[in-house]
Amino acid sequence: MGKILTKEEIKRIIYLRKHGHSLPEIRRITGHGSGTVLKYIQGIEILPKFQELWKIKRKSSIFRALKEQQKAREHVQKLIKKIGKKEKTIIAACLYWAEGEKKDLSLSNTDPALIKVFVECLKELGVTKENLRVTIRTYEDLDREKVCNFWSKIVGIPKKSIINVNILKGKKKGKLEYGMCRIRVTKGGYILKLLHALIEIIKVNINVPVVQRTEPETPKL
């Protein structure tokens, strides 16, 4: 539940916004969090005489963000010169650890980049396109043909290799244009063991204690 403000506090936030103050500035001046400030500045128009000041601040903010992005890219390029076989196997393990299903070697996601990276990294473990089985989950307002064409290109398999398309009720156009893709590896028992072994190595090397939380058993009546 958000913080409840007094009428005076709300008036102050609106006043600052009308006078061309940015979200970080209002947050700093009032001491309230971003969520609280955003709640009261949405839809508030900046007064005409402060519009130019607002535009200058906005341009400065965008420039600063772009500069930080470039700095981050340069930093990462120094840390990682090349993503080779070792890095790809670790990426495959981490993606499976985070998004995979525990019963078999499969992974579901709506992010095409994540799916493509997972498939490419699995190659380093000996998984070929012939080992892949693809299932699509889409919605009744999405174009089935378009969705299948999209995921077949992402995974790199013929459209006829998509084994199942589940069409769910509901509308997702504009929110989830291509539905969800599930990748399953056939005869992937040994590859699954490799991924679990990699995960265990990551756990040991990071040396983070693992606490398994379980729900208390419901007493029988």
Foldseek 3Di string as FASTA:
>chain_A
DDDDDDPVLLVVLLVCVLQQDDLVRNCVVSVDDSVVSCVRNVPRHHHPVNVVVNVVVVVVVVVVVVVVVVVVVVVVCVVDVDCDLVNLLLLLLVQCVVANDDVAGKGKDLDLVSLLSNLVSVVSVVADLVQKEKEFEEEPVADPVVLLVVNCVSNVHDSVRHPYYHYDYDDQVVNRRNGMMMIGGPPCPVVSVVSVVSVVVVCVVVVDDDDDDDDDDDDDD
